[in-house]
């Protein structure tokens, strides 16, 4: 079974430096409709997100959970849903138990591998959409097709030479989903 993997900050929701309050969670325009289209095709949507703000003490895992509840509610209000949310709270500059390197932290593919195991996902038929080169590298390391979007950090990351590592570049998630449907990567 294929899946669409999405980074969170800058792909699903507006980029906010160390987002910690649910009331600051705002979807990027067109995202809910794009995810609903994927849902309608019967393809699971899985979020894979680095959350070093936890490691750095800017928010707790409970606060992160509240953010994900808010995101899910905003999506549900528009008829969209995600089937899984994976996050890495680790960072080498973190504190306490969060101070470590982890293959789950992108560009490592650990979160993708965990989701593929849990949901029996066929990586060769799946796609990762991200706004950073680290997202693209995680997707490539896991054997996924990759899309770099110009939202969030993508406004600058798409200008880097490393942007060529992505399968293609799209203006935003809605444009990426249009292209994935048009090319047959997501079957109608």
N, C-alpha and C. Protein backbone atom coordinates (compact mmCIF):
# COMPACT_ATOMS: atom_id res chain seq x y z
N UNK A 1 0.85 -1.18 0.00
CA UNK A 1 0.00 0.00 0.00
C UNK A 1 0.89 1.24 0.00
N UNK A 2 0.63 2.19 -0.90
CA UNK A 2 1.39 3.44 -0.90
C UNK A 2 0.87 4.38 0.19
N UNK A 3 1.67 5.40 0.49
CA UNK A 3 1.27 6.44 1.43
C UNK A 3 1.90 7.76 1.00
N UNK A 4 1.33 8.83 1.49
CA UNK A 4 1.91 10.16 1.31
C UNK A 4 2.40 10.61 2.67
N UNK A 5 3.69 10.86 2.77
CA UNK A 5 4.31 11.36 4.00
C UNK A 5 4.44 12.87 3.89
N UNK A 6 4.03 13.57 4.93
CA UNK A 6 4.10 15.03 4.94
C UNK A 6 4.90 15.51 6.14
N UNK A 7 5.80 16.44 5.89
CA UNK A 7 6.38 17.20 6.99
C UNK A 7 5.26 18.08 7.54
N UNK A 8 5.40 18.54 8.78
CA UNK A 8 4.33 19.35 9.36
C UNK A 8 4.56 20.84 9.15
N UNK A 9 5.52 21.40 9.86
CA UNK A 9 5.74 22.85 9.84
C UNK A 9 6.22 23.30 8.47
N UNK A 10 5.50 24.21 7.85
CA UNK A 10 5.87 24.73 6.55
C UNK A 10 5.29 23.95 5.39
N UNK A 11 4.66 22.81 5.66
CA UNK A 11 3.98 22.03 4.62
C UNK A 11 2.49 21.97 4.92
N UNK A 12 2.15 21.59 6.15
CA UNK A 12 0.74 21.52 6.58
C UNK A 12 0.33 22.84 7.23
N UNK A 13 1.10 23.27 8.19
CA UNK A 13 0.77 24.51 8.91
C UNK A 13 1.80 25.59 8.64
N UNK A 14 1.36 26.82 8.86
CA UNK A 14 2.25 27.97 8.70
C UNK A 14 3.46 27.80 9.62
N UNK A 15 4.61 28.17 9.11
CA UNK A 15 5.85 28.07 9.88
C UNK A 15 5.82 29.10 11.00
N UNK A 16 5.95 28.63 12.23
CA UNK A 16 6.05 29.48 13.42
C UNK A 16 7.27 28.97 14.18
N UNK A 17 8.19 29.86 14.51
CA UNK A 17 9.41 29.46 15.20
C UNK A 17 9.06 28.79 16.53
N UNK A 18 9.37 27.50 16.63
CA UNK A 18 9.06 26.68 17.81
C UNK A 18 7.60 26.82 18.24
N UNK A 19 6.71 26.48 17.34
CA UNK A 19 5.28 26.48 17.61
C UNK A 19 4.99 25.71 18.90
N UNK A 20 4.32 26.36 19.85
CA UNK A 20 4.05 25.72 21.14
C UNK A 20 2.60 25.86 21.59
N UNK A 21 1.86 26.81 21.02
CA UNK A 21 0.49 27.06 21.48
C UNK A 21 -0.51 26.63 20.40
N UNK A 22 -1.49 25.81 20.77
CA UNK A 22 -2.49 25.38 19.79
C UNK A 22 -3.17 26.55 19.07
N UNK A 23 -3.38 27.66 19.77
CA UNK A 23 -4.05 28.79 19.13
C UNK A 23 -3.20 29.43 18.03
N UNK A 24 -1.90 29.10 17.99
CA UNK A 24 -1.03 29.61 16.93
C UNK A 24 -0.95 28.67 15.73
N UNK A 25 -1.59 27.51 15.83
CA UNK A 25 -1.61 26.54 14.73
C UNK A 25 -2.56 27.03 13.64
N UNK A 26 -2.03 27.27 12.45
CA UNK A 26 -2.84 27.71 11.32
C UNK A 26 -2.44 26.92 10.08
N UNK A 27 -3.41 26.31 9.43
CA UNK A 27 -3.12 25.55 8.22
C UNK A 27 -2.76 26.49 7.08
N UNK A 28 -1.85 26.04 6.23
CA UNK A 28 -1.54 26.76 5.01
C UNK A 28 -2.76 26.65 4.09
N UNK A 29 -3.15 27.73 3.44
CA UNK A 29 -4.33 27.67 2.56
C UNK A 29 -4.22 26.54 1.53
N UNK A 30 -5.31 25.80 1.37
CA UNK A 30 -5.37 24.72 0.40
C UNK A 30 -4.92 23.36 0.91
N UNK A 31 -4.28 23.33 2.08
CA UNK A 31 -3.74 22.07 2.61
C UNK A 31 -4.84 21.07 2.94
N UNK A 32 -5.87 21.50 3.64
CA UNK A 32 -6.93 20.56 4.03
C UNK A 32 -7.59 19.95 2.81
N UNK A 33 -7.82 20.75 1.79
CA UNK A 33 -8.44 20.24 0.57
C UNK A 33 -7.51 19.25 -0.13
N UNK A 34 -6.22 19.54 -0.14
CA UNK A 34 -5.25 18.63 -0.77
C UNK A 34 -5.21 17.29 -0.03
N UNK A 35 -5.20 17.35 1.29
CA UNK A 35 -5.18 16.11 2.08
C UNK A 35 -6.49 15.35 1.89
N UNK A 36 -7.60 16.07 1.82
CA UNK A 36 -8.89 15.41 1.58
C UNK A 36 -8.90 14.68 0.23
N UNK A 37 -8.25 15.26 -0.78
CA UNK A 37 -8.15 14.58 -2.08
C UNK A 37 -7.38 13.28 -1.95
N UNK A 38 -6.28 13.31 -1.20
CA UNK A 38 -5.50 12.09 -0.98
C UNK A 38 -6.35 11.07 -0.24
N UNK A 39 -7.03 11.53 0.82
CA UNK A 39 -7.93 10.64 1.58
C UNK A 39 -8.96 10.01 0.65
N UNK A 40 -9.53 10.80 -0.25
CA UNK A 40 -10.55 10.31 -1.17
C UNK A 40 -10.05 9.23 -2.11
N UNK A 41 -8.74 9.23 -2.37
CA UNK A 41 -8.14 8.21 -3.23
C UNK A 41 -7.79 6.95 -2.44
N UNK A 42 -8.07 6.97 -1.12
CA UNK A 42 -7.79 5.81 -0.29
C UNK A 42 -6.33 5.63 0.08
N UNK A 43 -5.56 6.71 -0.04
CA UNK A 43 -4.13 6.66 0.27
C UNK A 43 -3.90 7.26 1.66
N UNK A 44 -3.23 6.52 2.54
CA UNK A 44 -2.96 7.07 3.88
C UNK A 44 -2.03 8.29 3.83
N UNK A 45 -2.26 9.21 4.73
CA UNK A 45 -1.40 10.39 4.90
C UNK A 45 -0.75 10.27 6.28
N UNK A 46 0.58 10.34 6.29
CA UNK A 46 1.33 10.19 7.53
C UNK A 46 2.23 11.40 7.71
N UNK A 47 2.18 12.01 8.87
CA UNK A 47 3.02 13.16 9.19
C UNK A 47 4.32 12.67 9.83
N UNK A 48 5.44 13.20 9.34
CA UNK A 48 6.75 12.91 9.94
C UNK A 48 7.42 14.26 10.20
N UNK A 49 7.66 14.57 11.47
CA UNK A 49 8.09 15.92 11.82
C UNK A 49 9.19 15.93 12.89
N UNK A 50 10.25 16.69 12.62
CA UNK A 50 11.27 16.95 13.64
C UNK A 50 10.70 17.99 14.59
N UNK A 51 10.82 17.74 15.88
CA UNK A 51 10.34 18.70 16.88
C UNK A 51 11.41 18.94 17.93
N UNK A 52 12.50 19.59 17.49
CA UNK A 52 13.61 19.85 18.41
C UNK A 52 13.24 20.84 19.50
N UNK A 53 12.11 21.53 19.36
CA UNK A 53 11.65 22.42 20.43
C UNK A 53 11.44 21.67 21.73
N UNK A 54 11.07 20.39 21.62
CA UNK A 54 10.93 19.56 22.83
C UNK A 54 12.31 19.36 23.44
N UNK A 55 13.29 18.99 22.62
CA UNK A 55 14.65 18.76 23.11
C UNK A 55 15.25 20.02 23.73
N UNK A 56 14.90 21.15 23.19
CA UNK A 56 15.47 22.42 23.64
C UNK A 56 14.68 23.06 24.79
N UNK A 57 13.59 22.40 25.20
CA UNK A 57 12.82 22.88 26.34
C UNK A 57 11.81 23.97 26.02
N UNK A 58 11.50 24.20 24.73
CA UNK A 58 10.52 25.22 24.36
C UNK A 58 9.09 24.74 24.52
N UNK A 59 8.89 23.42 24.50
CA UNK A 59 7.57 22.84 24.74
C UNK A 59 7.73 21.41 25.20
N UNK A 60 6.71 20.91 25.89
CA UNK A 60 6.73 19.54 26.38
C UNK A 60 6.08 18.61 25.35
N UNK A 61 6.25 17.31 25.55
CA UNK A 61 5.57 16.36 24.66
C UNK A 61 4.05 16.47 24.81
N UNK A 62 3.57 16.82 26.01
CA UNK A 62 2.13 17.04 26.19
C UNK A 62 1.65 18.23 25.35
N UNK A 63 2.43 19.30 25.34
CA UNK A 63 2.07 20.46 24.52
C UNK A 63 2.10 20.09 23.03
N UNK A 64 3.08 19.29 22.64
CA UNK A 64 3.17 18.83 21.26
C UNK A 64 1.93 18.02 20.89
N UNK A 65 1.51 17.15 21.81
CA UNK A 65 0.29 16.37 21.59
C UNK A 65 -0.91 17.31 21.37
N UNK A 66 -1.00 18.35 22.19
CA UNK A 66 -2.11 19.31 22.05
C UNK A 66 -2.07 20.00 20.68
N UNK A 67 -0.87 20.30 20.19
CA UNK A 67 -0.74 20.89 18.85
C UNK A 67 -1.26 19.94 17.78
N UNK A 68 -0.93 18.66 17.94
CA UNK A 68 -1.37 17.67 16.95
C UNK A 68 -2.88 17.46 17.00
N UNK A 69 -3.45 17.54 18.19
CA UNK A 69 -4.91 17.46 18.32
C UNK A 69 -5.54 18.65 17.59
N UNK A 70 -4.98 19.84 17.78
CA UNK A 70 -5.49 21.04 17.11
C UNK A 70 -5.37 20.91 15.59
N UNK A 71 -4.21 20.43 15.11
CA UNK A 71 -4.03 20.24 13.68
C UNK A 71 -5.06 19.26 13.12
N UNK A 72 -5.26 18.15 13.82
CA UNK A 72 -6.23 17.15 13.37
C UNK A 72 -7.64 17.73 13.34
N UNK A 73 -7.97 18.58 14.31
CA UNK A 73 -9.29 19.20 14.33
C UNK A 73 -9.47 20.17 13.18
N UNK A 74 -8.45 20.98 12.91
CA UNK A 74 -8.52 21.91 11.78
C UNK A 74 -8.70 21.15 10.47
N UNK A 75 -7.99 20.04 10.32
CA UNK A 75 -8.14 19.22 9.11
C UNK A 75 -9.53 18.60 9.05
N UNK A 76 -10.00 18.05 10.18
CA UNK A 76 -11.31 17.40 10.22
C UNK A 76 -12.42 18.39 9.87
N UNK A 77 -12.26 19.63 10.31
CA UNK A 77 -13.26 20.66 10.00
C UNK A 77 -13.42 20.85 8.49
N UNK A 78 -12.39 20.47 7.73
CA UNK A 78 -12.41 20.61 6.27
C UNK A 78 -12.55 19.25 5.58
N UNK A 79 -12.88 18.20 6.35
CA UNK A 79 -13.09 16.88 5.76
C UNK A 79 -11.83 16.12 5.43
N UNK A 80 -10.72 16.43 6.12
CA UNK A 80 -9.44 15.77 5.86
C UNK A 80 -8.94 15.10 7.14
N UNK A 81 -8.05 14.13 6.97
CA UNK A 81 -7.47 13.47 8.14
C UNK A 81 -6.10 12.90 7.81
N UNK A 82 -5.31 12.72 8.86
CA UNK A 82 -4.04 12.02 8.73
C UNK A 82 -4.16 10.72 9.51
N UNK A 83 -3.51 9.70 8.99
CA UNK A 83 -3.63 8.39 9.61
C UNK A 83 -2.56 8.12 10.66
N UNK A 84 -1.51 8.91 10.66
CA UNK A 84 -0.46 8.74 11.66
C UNK A 84 0.37 10.00 11.79
N UNK A 85 0.90 10.22 12.99
CA UNK A 85 1.81 11.34 13.25
C UNK A 85 3.02 10.78 13.98
N UNK A 86 4.18 10.94 13.36
CA UNK A 86 5.43 10.51 13.96
C UNK A 86 6.29 11.75 14.16
N UNK A 87 6.94 11.83 15.30
CA UNK A 87 7.78 12.99 15.55
C UNK A 87 9.07 12.57 16.24
N UNK A 88 10.10 13.35 16.01
CA UNK A 88 11.37 13.15 16.70
C UNK A 88 11.59 14.34 17.62
N UNK A 89 11.60 14.10 18.94
CA UNK A 89 11.82 15.19 19.89
C UNK A 89 13.31 15.38 20.21
N UNK A 90 14.18 14.68 19.50
CA UNK A 90 15.60 14.66 19.86
C UNK A 90 16.42 15.68 19.08
N UNK A 91 17.50 16.11 19.71
CA UNK A 91 18.47 16.99 19.05
C UNK A 91 19.77 16.91 19.83
N UNK A 92 20.87 16.93 19.12
CA UNK A 92 22.18 16.83 19.77
C UNK A 92 22.41 17.99 20.74
N UNK A 93 21.76 19.13 20.52
CA UNK A 93 21.89 20.29 21.41
C UNK A 93 20.76 20.35 22.43
N UNK A 94 20.02 19.25 22.58
CA UNK A 94 18.90 19.21 23.52
C UNK A 94 19.36 19.07 24.95
N UNK A 95 18.38 18.88 25.84
CA UNK A 95 18.66 18.71 27.26
C UNK A 95 18.14 17.36 27.73
N UNK A 96 18.76 16.84 28.78
CA UNK A 96 18.29 15.60 29.41
C UNK A 96 18.24 14.44 28.44
N UNK A 97 17.19 13.65 28.55
CA UNK A 97 17.03 12.46 27.71
C UNK A 97 16.84 12.78 26.23
N UNK A 98 16.56 14.02 25.92
CA UNK A 98 16.33 14.42 24.53
C UNK A 98 17.63 14.80 23.81
N UNK A 99 18.73 14.89 24.56
CA UNK A 99 20.01 15.28 23.97
C UNK A 99 20.69 14.05 23.40
N UNK A 100 20.41 13.80 22.13
CA UNK A 100 21.07 12.68 21.45
C UNK A 100 20.81 12.75 19.96
N UNK A 101 21.67 12.06 19.24
CA UNK A 101 21.43 11.88 17.82
C UNK A 101 20.47 10.72 17.68
N UNK A 102 19.62 10.79 16.67
CA UNK A 102 18.63 9.74 16.46
C UNK A 102 18.39 9.56 14.97
N UNK A 103 18.30 8.31 14.53
CA UNK A 103 17.98 8.05 13.12
C UNK A 103 16.53 8.42 12.81
N UNK A 104 15.75 8.69 13.86
CA UNK A 104 14.38 9.15 13.64
C UNK A 104 14.34 10.62 13.25
N UNK A 105 15.37 11.36 13.61
CA UNK A 105 15.42 12.78 13.25
C UNK A 105 15.83 12.91 11.79
N UNK A 106 14.99 13.58 10.99
CA UNK A 106 15.34 13.79 9.59
C UNK A 106 16.62 14.63 9.52
N UNK A 107 17.57 14.29 8.67
CA UNK A 107 17.43 13.51 7.45
C UNK A 107 17.47 11.99 7.62
N UNK A 108 17.52 11.50 8.83
CA UNK A 108 17.42 10.05 9.03
C UNK A 108 16.03 9.56 8.65
N UNK A 109 15.92 8.32 8.18
CA UNK A 109 14.63 7.80 7.73
C UNK A 109 13.85 7.02 8.80
N UNK A 110 14.26 7.09 10.06
CA UNK A 110 13.66 6.25 11.10
C UNK A 110 12.16 6.38 11.26
N UNK A 111 11.64 7.61 11.23
CA UNK A 111 10.19 7.78 11.37
C UNK A 111 9.45 7.14 10.20
N UNK A 112 10.01 7.27 9.02
CA UNK A 112 9.39 6.69 7.83
C UNK A 112 9.36 5.17 7.94
N UNK A 113 10.50 4.59 8.34
CA UNK A 113 10.55 3.13 8.50
C UNK A 113 9.54 2.65 9.54
N UNK A 114 9.42 3.37 10.64
CA UNK A 114 8.46 2.98 11.69
C UNK A 114 7.03 3.01 11.16
N UNK A 115 6.68 4.05 10.43
CA UNK A 115 5.33 4.15 9.86
C UNK A 115 5.09 3.05 8.83
N UNK A 116 6.08 2.76 8.01
CA UNK A 116 5.93 1.72 6.99
C UNK A 116 5.68 0.36 7.64
N UNK A 117 6.35 0.12 8.75
CA UNK A 117 6.14 -1.14 9.46
C UNK A 117 4.75 -1.18 10.08
N UNK A 118 4.34 -0.10 10.74
CA UNK A 118 3.04 -0.08 11.41
C UNK A 118 1.87 -0.20 10.44
N UNK A 119 1.98 0.46 9.28
CA UNK A 119 0.85 0.52 8.35
C UNK A 119 1.04 -0.36 7.11
N UNK A 120 2.08 -1.19 7.07
CA UNK A 120 2.37 -2.05 5.91
C UNK A 120 2.42 -1.23 4.62
N UNK A 121 3.22 -0.17 4.65
CA UNK A 121 3.35 0.76 3.52
C UNK A 121 4.45 0.28 2.58
N UNK A 122 4.17 0.35 1.30
CA UNK A 122 5.14 0.05 0.25
C UNK A 122 5.92 1.33 -0.03
N UNK A 123 7.16 1.36 0.41
CA UNK A 123 7.97 2.57 0.24
C UNK A 123 8.18 2.93 -1.23
N UNK A 124 8.32 1.93 -2.09
CA UNK A 124 8.62 2.21 -3.50
C UNK A 124 7.47 2.93 -4.21
N UNK A 125 6.28 2.87 -3.64
CA UNK A 125 5.11 3.53 -4.24
C UNK A 125 4.71 4.79 -3.48
N UNK A 126 5.50 5.17 -2.48
CA UNK A 126 5.12 6.26 -1.59
C UNK A 126 5.90 7.54 -1.88
N UNK A 127 5.40 8.64 -1.33
CA UNK A 127 5.96 9.97 -1.61
C UNK A 127 6.10 10.73 -0.30
N UNK A 128 7.18 11.50 -0.18
CA UNK A 128 7.35 12.43 0.93
C UNK A 128 7.32 13.84 0.38
N UNK A 129 6.55 14.71 1.01
CA UNK A 129 6.49 16.13 0.65
C UNK A 129 7.05 16.92 1.82
N UNK A 130 8.08 17.73 1.55
CA UNK A 130 8.70 18.52 2.61
C UNK A 130 9.11 19.89 2.13
N UNK A 131 9.50 20.73 3.08
CA UNK A 131 9.94 22.09 2.75
C UNK A 131 11.41 22.31 3.04
N UNK A 132 12.11 21.26 3.44
CA UNK A 132 13.54 21.35 3.74
C UNK A 132 14.30 20.23 3.04
N UNK A 133 15.56 20.50 2.77
CA UNK A 133 16.43 19.48 2.17
C UNK A 133 16.50 18.26 3.08
N UNK A 134 16.49 18.45 4.40
CA UNK A 134 16.52 17.31 5.34
C UNK A 134 15.32 16.39 5.12
N UNK A 135 14.16 16.95 4.80
CA UNK A 135 12.98 16.14 4.51
C UNK A 135 13.23 15.28 3.27
N UNK A 136 13.75 15.93 2.23
CA UNK A 136 14.00 15.24 0.96
C UNK A 136 15.02 14.13 1.17
N UNK A 137 16.06 14.41 1.93
CA UNK A 137 17.09 13.39 2.18
C UNK A 137 16.52 12.21 2.96
N UNK A 138 15.62 12.47 3.91
CA UNK A 138 14.98 11.37 4.65
C UNK A 138 14.14 10.52 3.71
N UNK A 139 13.37 11.17 2.86
CA UNK A 139 12.55 10.44 1.90
C UNK A 139 13.39 9.62 0.94
N UNK A 140 14.45 10.24 0.42
CA UNK A 140 15.33 9.51 -0.50
C UNK A 140 16.00 8.33 0.20
N UNK A 141 16.44 8.52 1.45
CA UNK A 141 17.09 7.44 2.19
C UNK A 141 16.14 6.27 2.42
N UNK A 142 14.85 6.55 2.49
CA UNK A 142 13.85 5.50 2.70
C UNK A 142 13.34 4.91 1.39
N UNK A 143 13.81 5.44 0.26
CA UNK A 143 13.38 4.91 -1.03
C UNK A 143 12.06 5.46 -1.52
N UNK A 144 11.67 6.65 -1.02
CA UNK A 144 10.42 7.27 -1.44
C UNK A 144 10.65 8.22 -2.61
N UNK A 145 9.60 8.53 -3.34
CA UNK A 145 9.62 9.65 -4.26
C UNK A 145 9.53 10.91 -3.38
N UNK A 146 10.10 12.01 -3.85
CA UNK A 146 10.13 13.20 -3.00
C UNK A 146 9.70 14.46 -3.76
N UNK A 147 9.08 15.37 -2.99
CA UNK A 147 8.64 16.66 -3.52
C UNK A 147 9.05 17.74 -2.53
N UNK A 148 9.72 18.77 -3.03
CA UNK A 148 10.10 19.92 -2.21
C UNK A 148 9.12 21.04 -2.54
N UNK A 149 8.48 21.60 -1.51
CA UNK A 149 7.53 22.69 -1.72
C UNK A 149 8.15 24.03 -1.34
N UNK A 150 7.62 25.09 -1.92
CA UNK A 150 8.15 26.44 -1.70
C UNK A 150 7.56 27.13 -0.47
N UNK A 151 6.64 26.48 0.23
CA UNK A 151 6.09 27.06 1.46
C UNK A 151 7.08 26.85 2.60
N UNK A 152 6.85 27.53 3.72
CA UNK A 152 7.74 27.38 4.87
C UNK A 152 9.17 27.72 4.50
N UNK A 153 10.10 26.85 4.89
CA UNK A 153 11.52 27.06 4.57
C UNK A 153 11.81 26.84 3.09
N UNK A 154 10.87 26.25 2.38
CA UNK A 154 11.06 25.97 0.97
C UNK A 154 11.29 27.20 0.12
N UNK A 155 10.84 28.36 0.59
CA UNK A 155 11.06 29.60 -0.16
C UNK A 155 12.55 29.83 -0.40
N UNK A 156 13.37 29.46 0.57
CA UNK A 156 14.82 29.59 0.40
C UNK A 156 15.48 28.26 0.02
N UNK A 157 14.99 27.16 0.56
CA UNK A 157 15.62 25.85 0.30
C UNK A 157 15.52 25.45 -1.17
N UNK A 158 14.47 25.87 -1.87
CA UNK A 158 14.33 25.49 -3.28
C UNK A 158 15.38 26.17 -4.15
N UNK A 159 16.05 27.19 -3.63
CA UNK A 159 17.09 27.89 -4.38
C UNK A 159 18.47 27.27 -4.18
N UNK A 160 18.58 26.32 -3.26
CA UNK A 160 19.87 25.69 -2.98
C UNK A 160 20.17 24.62 -4.03
N UNK A 161 21.46 24.38 -4.32
CA UNK A 161 21.80 23.32 -5.28
C UNK A 161 21.24 21.95 -4.86
N UNK A 162 21.15 21.71 -3.55
CA UNK A 162 20.65 20.43 -3.05
C UNK A 162 19.18 20.20 -3.39
N UNK A 163 18.47 21.24 -3.79
CA UNK A 163 17.06 21.09 -4.16
C UNK A 163 16.90 20.10 -5.31
N UNK A 164 17.97 19.92 -6.09
CA UNK A 164 17.93 18.97 -7.21
C UNK A 164 17.77 17.53 -6.73
N UNK A 165 17.97 17.28 -5.43
CA UNK A 165 17.79 15.94 -4.87
C UNK A 165 16.31 15.54 -4.84
N UNK A 166 15.42 16.52 -4.91
CA UNK A 166 13.97 16.24 -4.90
C UNK A 166 13.52 15.74 -6.26
N UNK A 167 12.50 14.89 -6.25
CA UNK A 167 11.93 14.42 -7.51
C UNK A 167 11.38 15.57 -8.32
N UNK A 168 10.67 16.48 -7.65
CA UNK A 168 10.24 17.73 -8.28
C UNK A 168 9.93 18.76 -7.22
N UNK A 169 9.79 20.00 -7.66
CA UNK A 169 9.49 21.14 -6.79
C UNK A 169 8.10 21.64 -7.13
N UNK A 170 7.32 21.95 -6.11
CA UNK A 170 5.96 22.48 -6.29
C UNK A 170 5.79 23.73 -5.43
N UNK A 171 4.85 24.57 -5.82
CA UNK A 171 4.61 25.80 -5.06
C UNK A 171 4.14 25.52 -3.64
N UNK A 172 3.27 24.51 -3.48
CA UNK A 172 2.71 24.19 -2.17
C UNK A 172 2.16 22.77 -2.22
N UNK A 173 1.58 22.33 -1.11
CA UNK A 173 1.06 20.97 -1.06
C UNK A 173 -0.04 20.75 -2.09
N UNK A 174 -0.92 21.72 -2.27
CA UNK A 174 -2.00 21.57 -3.25
C UNK A 174 -1.44 21.34 -4.65
N UNK A 175 -0.42 22.11 -5.03
CA UNK A 175 0.20 21.94 -6.35
C UNK A 175 0.92 20.60 -6.45
N UNK A 176 1.55 20.17 -5.37
CA UNK A 176 2.22 18.87 -5.35
C UNK A 176 1.20 17.75 -5.57
N UNK A 177 0.08 17.83 -4.87
CA UNK A 177 -0.96 16.80 -5.00
C UNK A 177 -1.55 16.81 -6.41
N UNK A 178 -1.75 17.99 -6.98
CA UNK A 178 -2.21 18.07 -8.38
C UNK A 178 -1.27 17.29 -9.29
N UNK A 179 0.04 17.51 -9.12
CA UNK A 179 1.04 16.85 -9.96
C UNK A 179 1.07 15.34 -9.70
N UNK A 180 0.93 14.94 -8.45
CA UNK A 180 0.94 13.51 -8.12
C UNK A 180 -0.26 12.79 -8.73
N UNK A 181 -1.41 13.44 -8.76
CA UNK A 181 -2.58 12.86 -9.43
C UNK A 181 -2.38 12.86 -10.94
N UNK A 182 -1.91 13.98 -11.49
CA UNK A 182 -1.74 14.09 -12.95
C UNK A 182 -0.75 13.07 -13.49
N UNK A 183 0.28 12.76 -12.71
CA UNK A 183 1.31 11.81 -13.16
C UNK A 183 0.95 10.37 -12.85
N UNK A 184 -0.17 10.16 -12.15
CA UNK A 184 -0.59 8.80 -11.82
C UNK A 184 0.08 8.20 -10.60
N UNK A 185 0.90 8.99 -9.90
CA UNK A 185 1.52 8.49 -8.67
C UNK A 185 0.44 8.19 -7.64
N UNK A 186 -0.56 9.07 -7.56
CA UNK A 186 -1.76 8.79 -6.77
C UNK A 186 -2.85 8.44 -7.77
N UNK A 187 -3.39 7.24 -7.66
CA UNK A 187 -4.46 6.82 -8.57
C UNK A 187 -5.76 7.48 -8.18
N UNK A 188 -6.52 7.89 -9.17
CA UNK A 188 -7.80 8.58 -8.90
C UNK A 188 -8.85 7.62 -8.42
